[in-house]
Amino acid sequence: MLDLIWIIIVGAIVGLIAKLVVPGKDPGGIIVTPLIGIGGAIVATYLGQFLDLYEPGEKAQFIGSIVGAVIILVAYRFIRGRVAPPSA
C-alpha cells in the first residue's frame, strides 16, 4: 500500500516533468497533467517490474515513469485534438 502511495506522489511530479518535456496547451489544465503523470508512473512501475527491466526503488523506474507519462500525454493530446468542440 505504501508503494502505491509513493507511486502516486512521484507520478504527480512526473506529470509536471512530462509537461516540461512536451510543452504546449493541454485541454485538461493543472488537474489532468498530474493525473497523466500518475497513470504513466503506475503503468511504467508495474510493466517495468513485470518485464524485469528494474526492481522496485531503482532510478530507472523514475525514468520509466517520465517516459510513460510523456507517451500518455502525447496520446491524450492526440485523442483530445480529434474531438470536435461542443457547439453552443
Protein backbone atom coordinates (compact mmCIF):
# COMPACT_ATOMS: atom_id res chain seq x y z
CA MET A 1 0.00 0.00 0.00
CA LEU A 2 2.85 2.34 0.84
CA ASP A 3 4.39 1.64 -2.58
CA LEU A 4 1.19 2.74 -4.32
CA ILE A 5 1.05 5.98 -2.31
CA TRP A 6 4.67 6.68 -3.22
CA ILE A 7 3.93 5.97 -6.90
CA ILE A 8 1.05 8.46 -6.79
CA ILE A 9 3.22 11.17 -5.24
CA VAL A 10 6.05 10.58 -7.69
CA GLY A 11 3.51 10.36 -10.52
CA ALA A 12 2.20 13.85 -9.81
CA ILE A 13 5.74 15.20 -10.02
CA VAL A 14 6.41 13.13 -13.14
CA GLY A 15 3.32 14.65 -14.78
CA LEU A 16 4.75 18.11 -14.30
CA ILE A 17 8.10 16.97 -15.71
CA ALA A 18 6.31 15.44 -18.71
CA LYS A 19 4.59 18.80 -19.24
CA LEU A 20 8.03 20.45 -19.36
CA VAL A 21 9.33 17.83 -21.80
CA VAL A 22 6.27 18.17 -24.08
CA PRO A 23 5.29 21.84 -23.86
CA GLY A 24 2.04 23.11 -25.29
CA LYS A 25 -1.52 23.75 -24.34
CA ASP A 26 -3.28 20.86 -22.67
CA PRO A 27 -7.06 20.53 -22.85
CA GLY A 28 -7.14 19.44 -19.20
CA GLY A 29 -5.11 22.03 -17.35
CA ILE A 30 -3.47 21.72 -13.96
CA ILE A 31 -5.61 18.78 -12.81
CA VAL A 32 -5.16 16.46 -15.78
CA THR A 33 -1.37 16.83 -16.06
CA PRO A 34 -0.60 15.24 -12.65
CA LEU A 35 -3.22 12.56 -13.33
CA ILE A 36 -1.45 11.71 -16.58
CA GLY A 37 1.81 11.52 -14.63
CA ILE A 38 0.24 9.21 -12.06
CA GLY A 39 -1.05 6.99 -14.87
CA GLY A 40 2.38 6.94 -16.51
CA ALA A 41 4.07 6.13 -13.21
CA ILE A 42 1.69 3.29 -12.40
CA VAL A 43 1.98 1.74 -15.86
CA ALA A 44 5.76 2.15 -16.01
CA THR A 45 6.26 0.79 -12.50
CA TYR A 46 4.28 -2.39 -12.87
CA LEU A 47 5.10 -3.01 -16.54
CA GLY A 48 8.82 -2.48 -15.95
CA GLN A 49 8.83 -4.82 -12.98
CA PHE A 50 6.77 -7.41 -14.86
CA LEU A 51 9.25 -7.32 -17.75
CA ASP A 52 12.19 -7.48 -15.28
CA LEU A 53 13.58 -4.18 -16.54
CA TYR A 54 14.16 -2.97 -12.97
CA GLU A 55 13.47 -3.75 -9.34
CA PRO A 56 11.30 -1.66 -7.01
CA GLY A 57 13.02 1.56 -5.96
CA GLU A 58 15.57 1.75 -8.78
CA LYS A 59 16.25 5.06 -10.52
CA ALA A 60 15.28 3.51 -13.84
CA GLN A 61 11.74 3.30 -12.51
CA PHE A 62 11.62 7.11 -12.23
CA ILE A 63 12.92 7.50 -15.78
CA GLY A 64 10.42 4.91 -16.99
CA SER A 65 7.66 6.86 -15.25
CA ILE A 66 8.63 10.02 -17.12
CA VAL A 67 8.67 8.15 -20.44
CA GLY A 68 5.28 6.60 -19.64
CA ALA A 69 3.80 9.98 -18.72
CA VAL A 70 5.14 11.59 -21.90
CA ILE A 71 3.60 8.81 -24.00
CA ILE A 72 0.25 9.16 -22.24
CA LEU A 73 0.39 12.98 -22.56
CA VAL A 74 1.07 12.81 -26.31
CA ALA A 75 -1.71 10.23 -26.76
CA TYR A 76 -4.08 12.37 -24.68
CA ARG A 77 -3.36 15.44 -26.80
CA PHE A 78 -3.83 13.43 -29.98
CA ILE A 79 -7.18 12.00 -28.85
CA ARG A 80 -8.47 15.31 -27.41
CA GLY A 81 -7.37 17.15 -30.53
CA ARG A 82 -9.58 14.93 -32.68
CA VAL A 83 -12.71 15.52 -30.60
CA ALA A 84 -14.86 18.29 -32.03
CA PRO A 85 -15.54 21.10 -29.58
CA PRO A 86 -19.16 21.33 -28.41
CA SER A 87 -21.22 23.86 -30.31
CA ALA A 88 -23.01 26.50 -28.30
